[in-house]
């Protein structure tokens, strides 16, 4: 299997975890911590083995009206880069995703459904430091 195909399959699996667990994952920051997932999904509050990496790996969410900007403040190099962002609504709907190369800036933008209120979850996947999640209630 080619590296790119492996990364795609890994991301599909990780996104599947969010969809399968539904609202449980949406409460991950403080309400739900499954010991089986603490080494799979990382957050600023639960960086696991990557405690020194949270600032440059947890996605930052910015909302202005219906526009959502997701940024991972991570330097990009051929050997170490952010592979993908995904934005998920509280019901598990994937609003969108963006895949990056090491040449890109890890910034993605999405448009919320008209009148949407509730939780949004942004994910960021680093090729070396795993799957990161940030959430916001709007």
C-alpha atoms as a PDB file:
ATOM      1  CA  UNK A   1       0.000   0.000   0.000  1.00  0.00           C
ATOM      2  CA  UNK A   2       1.327   3.436  -0.919  1.00  0.00           C
ATOM      3  CA  UNK A   3       1.914   5.941   1.887  1.00  0.00           C
ATOM      4  CA  UNK A   4      -0.759   8.310   0.554  1.00  0.00           C
ATOM      5  CA  UNK A   5      -3.322   5.475   0.475  1.00  0.00           C
ATOM      6  CA  UNK A   6      -2.354   4.459   4.008  1.00  0.00           C
ATOM      7  CA  UNK A   7      -2.845   8.023   5.258  1.00  0.00           C
ATOM      8  CA  UNK A   8      -6.247   8.268   3.530  1.00  0.00           C
ATOM      9  CA  UNK A   9      -7.388   4.993   5.086  1.00  0.00           C
ATOM     10  CA  UNK A  10      -6.129   6.073   8.522  1.00  0.00           C
ATOM     11  CA  UNK A  11      -8.025   9.342   8.271  1.00  0.00           C
ATOM     12  CA  UNK A  12     -11.203   7.607   7.185  1.00  0.00           C
ATOM     13  CA  UNK A  13     -10.896   5.333  10.205  1.00  0.00           C
ATOM     14  CA  UNK A  14     -10.269   8.227  12.572  1.00  0.00           C
ATOM     15  CA  UNK A  15     -13.209  10.179  11.160  1.00  0.00           C
ATOM     16  CA  UNK A  16     -15.273   7.008  11.538  1.00  0.00           C
ATOM     17  CA  UNK A  17     -14.465   6.964  15.256  1.00  0.00           C
ATOM     18  CA  UNK A  18     -15.991  10.408  15.584  1.00  0.00           C
ATOM     19  CA  UNK A  19     -19.099   9.421  13.663  1.00  0.00           C
ATOM     20  CA  UNK A  20     -19.532   6.067  15.439  1.00  0.00           C
ATOM     21  CA  UNK A  21     -19.204   7.591  18.894  1.00  0.00           C
ATOM     22  CA  UNK A  22     -21.391  10.539  17.855  1.00  0.00           C
ATOM     23  CA  UNK A  23     -22.132  12.900  20.711  1.00  0.00           C
ATOM     24  CA  UNK A  24     -19.771  11.024  23.036  1.00  0.00           C
ATOM     25  CA  UNK A  25     -16.771  12.275  21.085  1.00  0.00           C
ATOM     26  CA  UNK A  26     -18.300  15.726  21.033  1.00  0.00           C
ATOM     27  CA  UNK A  27     -17.943  15.789  24.834  1.00  0.00           C
ATOM     28  CA  UNK A  28     -14.382  14.508  24.751  1.00  0.00           C
ATOM     29  CA  UNK A  29     -12.674  17.526  26.357  1.00  0.00           C
ATOM     30  CA  UNK A  30     -13.956  16.944  29.848  1.00  0.00           C
ATOM     31  CA  UNK A  31     -17.000  14.735  29.926  1.00  0.00           C
ATOM     32  CA  UNK A  32     -15.919  11.579  28.141  1.00  0.00           C
ATOM     33  CA  UNK A  33     -12.535   9.924  28.288  1.00  0.00           C
ATOM     34  CA  UNK A  34     -12.339   6.330  27.184  1.00  0.00           C
ATOM     35  CA  UNK A  35      -8.932   4.913  28.094  1.00  0.00           C
ATOM     36  CA  UNK A  36      -8.885   3.060  24.785  1.00  0.00           C
ATOM     37  CA  UNK A  37      -9.025   6.375  22.894  1.00  0.00           C
ATOM     38  CA  UNK A  38      -6.630   8.487  24.962  1.00  0.00           C
ATOM     39  CA  UNK A  39      -3.749   7.320  22.784  1.00  0.00           C
ATOM     40  CA  UNK A  40      -5.690   7.902  19.570  1.00  0.00           C
ATOM     41  CA  UNK A  41      -7.377  11.290  19.980  1.00  0.00           C
ATOM     42  CA  UNK A  42      -5.490  14.174  21.563  1.00  0.00           C
ATOM     43  CA  UNK A  43      -6.679  17.614  22.739  1.00  0.00           C
ATOM     44  CA  UNK A  44      -5.114  20.607  24.453  1.00  0.00           C
ATOM     45  CA  UNK A  45      -6.495  19.316  27.768  1.00  0.00           C
ATOM     46  CA  UNK A  46      -5.547  15.716  27.031  1.00  0.00           C
ATOM     47  CA  UNK A  47      -2.316  15.757  25.000  1.00  0.00           C
ATOM     48  CA  UNK A  48      -1.280  12.309  26.207  1.00  0.00           C
ATOM     49  CA  UNK A  49       2.272  11.466  25.243  1.00  0.00           C
ATOM     50  CA  UNK A  50       2.475  14.640  23.144  1.00  0.00           C
ATOM     51  CA  UNK A  51       2.159  17.173  26.005  1.00  0.00           C
ATOM     52  CA  UNK A  52       4.770  19.488  24.481  1.00  0.00           C
ATOM     53  CA  UNK A  53       3.067  19.391  21.075  1.00  0.00           C
ATOM     54  CA  UNK A  54      -0.434  20.657  21.938  1.00  0.00           C
ATOM     55  CA  UNK A  55       0.195  24.281  20.958  1.00  0.00           C
ATOM     56  CA  UNK A  56       1.295  23.390  17.454  1.00  0.00           C
ATOM     57  CA  UNK A  57      -1.026  20.445  16.801  1.00  0.00           C
ATOM     58  CA  UNK A  58      -4.467  21.153  18.300  1.00  0.00           C
ATOM     59  CA  UNK A  59      -6.530  22.987  15.661  1.00  0.00           C
ATOM     60  CA  UNK A  60      -7.623  26.548  16.386  1.00  0.00           C
ATOM     61  CA  UNK A  61     -11.240  27.347  15.472  1.00  0.00           C
ATOM     62  CA  UNK A  62     -12.344  30.865  14.538  1.00  0.00           C
ATOM     63  CA  UNK A  63     -16.001  31.633  13.759  1.00  0.00           C
ATOM     64  CA  UNK A  64     -17.249  34.817  12.075  1.00  0.00           C
ATOM     65  CA  UNK A  65     -20.921  34.634  11.215  1.00  0.00           C
ATOM     66  CA  UNK A  66     -21.393  31.411   9.239  1.00  0.00           C
ATOM     67  CA  UNK A  67     -17.716  31.206   8.245  1.00  0.00           C
ATOM     68  CA  UNK A  68     -15.415  28.849  10.165  1.00  0.00           C
ATOM     69  CA  UNK A  69     -11.657  28.998   9.838  1.00  0.00           C
ATOM     70  CA  UNK A  70      -9.565  26.109  11.154  1.00  0.00           C
ATOM     71  CA  UNK A  71      -5.831  26.595  11.545  1.00  0.00           C
ATOM     72  CA  UNK A  72      -3.142  24.379  12.964  1.00  0.00           C
ATOM     73  CA  UNK A  73      -0.188  26.528  13.994  1.00  0.00           C
ATOM     74  CA  UNK A  74       2.310  23.952  12.810  1.00  0.00           C
ATOM     75  CA  UNK A  75       5.452  24.398  10.729  1.00  0.00           C
ATOM     76  CA  UNK A  76       5.305  22.389   7.528  1.00  0.00           C
ATOM     77  CA  UNK A  77       8.211  20.386   6.132  1.00  0.00           C
ATOM     78  CA  UNK A  78       8.490  17.387   3.856  1.00  0.00           C
ATOM     79  CA  UNK A  79       9.081  15.075   6.792  1.00  0.00           C
ATOM     80  CA  UNK A  80       6.633  16.597   9.300  1.00  0.00           C
ATOM     81  CA  UNK A  81       3.358  18.218   8.341  1.00  0.00           C
ATOM     82  CA  UNK A  82      -0.375  18.459   8.955  1.00  0.00           C
ATOM     83  CA  UNK A  83      -2.099  16.064   6.585  1.00  0.00           C
ATOM     84  CA  UNK A  84      -5.759  16.952   7.001  1.00  0.00           C
ATOM     85  CA  UNK A  85      -8.452  19.022   8.694  1.00  0.00           C
ATOM     86  CA  UNK A  86     -12.059  17.921   9.140  1.00  0.00           C
ATOM     87  CA  UNK A  87     -14.985  19.913  10.556  1.00  0.00           C
ATOM     88  CA  UNK A  88     -17.831  17.943  12.173  1.00  0.00           C
ATOM     89  CA  UNK A  89     -21.200  19.183  13.491  1.00  0.00           C
ATOM     90  CA  UNK A  90     -22.642  17.998  16.814  1.00  0.00           C
ATOM     91  CA  UNK A  91     -24.843  15.356  15.152  1.00  0.00           C
ATOM     92  CA  UNK A  92     -21.805  13.764  13.480  1.00  0.00           C
ATOM     93  CA  UNK A  93     -22.304  15.398  10.078  1.00  0.00           C
ATOM     94  CA  UNK A  94     -18.963  16.028   8.397  1.00  0.00           C
ATOM     95  CA  UNK A  95     -19.262  19.596   7.153  1.00  0.00           C
ATOM     96  CA  UNK A  96     -16.056  19.388   5.159  1.00  0.00           C
ATOM     97  CA  UNK A  97     -12.426  18.372   5.035  1.00  0.00           C
ATOM     98  CA  UNK A  98      -9.205  19.555   3.468  1.00  0.00           C
ATOM     99  CA  UNK A  99      -6.081  17.528   2.761  1.00  0.00           C
ATOM    100  CA  UNK A 100      -2.672  19.245   2.757  1.00  0.00           C
ATOM    101  CA  UNK A 101       0.788  18.620   1.387  1.00  0.00           C
ATOM    102  CA  UNK A 102       3.906  19.777   3.191  1.00  0.00           C
ATOM    103  CA  UNK A 103       3.963  22.800   0.868  1.00  0.00           C
ATOM    104  CA  UNK A 104       0.573  24.086   2.098  1.00  0.00           C
ATOM    105  CA  UNK A 105      -0.384  26.204   5.094  1.00  0.00           C
ATOM    106  CA  UNK A 106      -2.651  24.158   7.384  1.00  0.00           C
ATOM    107  CA  UNK A 107      -5.649  26.470   7.141  1.00  0.00           C
ATOM    108  CA  UNK A 108      -9.118  25.446   5.988  1.00  0.00           C
ATOM    109  CA  UNK A 109     -12.440  27.270   5.731  1.00  0.00           C
ATOM    110  CA  UNK A 110     -16.026  26.065   5.914  1.00  0.00           C
ATOM    111  CA  UNK A 111     -19.547  27.521   5.853  1.00  0.00           C
ATOM    112  CA  UNK A 112     -22.007  26.575   8.586  1.00  0.00           C
ATOM    113  CA  UNK A 113     -25.613  25.747   7.715  1.00  0.00           C
ATOM    114  CA  UNK A 114     -28.002  28.693   8.002  1.00  0.00           C
ATOM    115  CA  UNK A 115     -28.943  29.280  11.654  1.00  0.00           C
ATOM    116  CA  UNK A 116     -26.668  26.544  13.025  1.00  0.00           C
ATOM    117  CA  UNK A 117     -26.160  26.624  16.783  1.00  0.00           C
ATOM    118  CA  UNK A 118     -24.348  24.034  18.844  1.00  0.00           C
ATOM    119  CA  UNK A 119     -21.032  22.286  18.990  1.00  0.00           C
ATOM    120  CA  UNK A 120     -18.524  22.050  16.183  1.00  0.00           C
ATOM    121  CA  UNK A 121     -15.445  19.834  16.254  1.00  0.00           C
ATOM    122  CA  UNK A 122     -12.309  20.431  14.228  1.00  0.00           C
ATOM    123  CA  UNK A 123      -9.720  17.722  13.732  1.00  0.00           C
ATOM    124  CA  UNK A 124      -6.117  17.967  12.663  1.00  0.00           C
ATOM    125  CA  UNK A 125      -3.962  15.002  11.699  1.00  0.00           C
ATOM    126  CA  UNK A 126      -0.159  15.237  11.867  1.00  0.00           C
ATOM    127  CA  UNK A 127       1.911  12.649  10.028  1.00  0.00           C
ATOM    128  CA  UNK A 128       4.137  12.238  13.123  1.00  0.00           C
ATOM    129  CA  UNK A 129       2.039  13.295  16.115  1.00  0.00           C
ATOM    130  CA  UNK A 130      -1.323  11.721  15.460  1.00  0.00           C
ATOM    131  CA  UNK A 131      -4.955  12.897  15.545  1.00  0.00           C
ATOM    132  CA  UNK A 132      -5.933  16.115  17.372  1.00  0.00           C
ATOM    133  CA  UNK A 133      -9.371  17.492  18.187  1.00  0.00           C
ATOM    134  CA  UNK A 134     -10.685  20.912  19.271  1.00  0.00           C
ATOM    135  CA  UNK A 135     -14.295  21.844  19.886  1.00  0.00           C
ATOM    136  CA  UNK A 136     -16.351  24.993  20.215  1.00  0.00           C
ATOM    137  CA  UNK A 137     -19.965  25.774  21.049  1.00  0.00           C
ATOM    138  CA  UNK A 138     -21.488  28.498  18.879  1.00  0.00           C
END
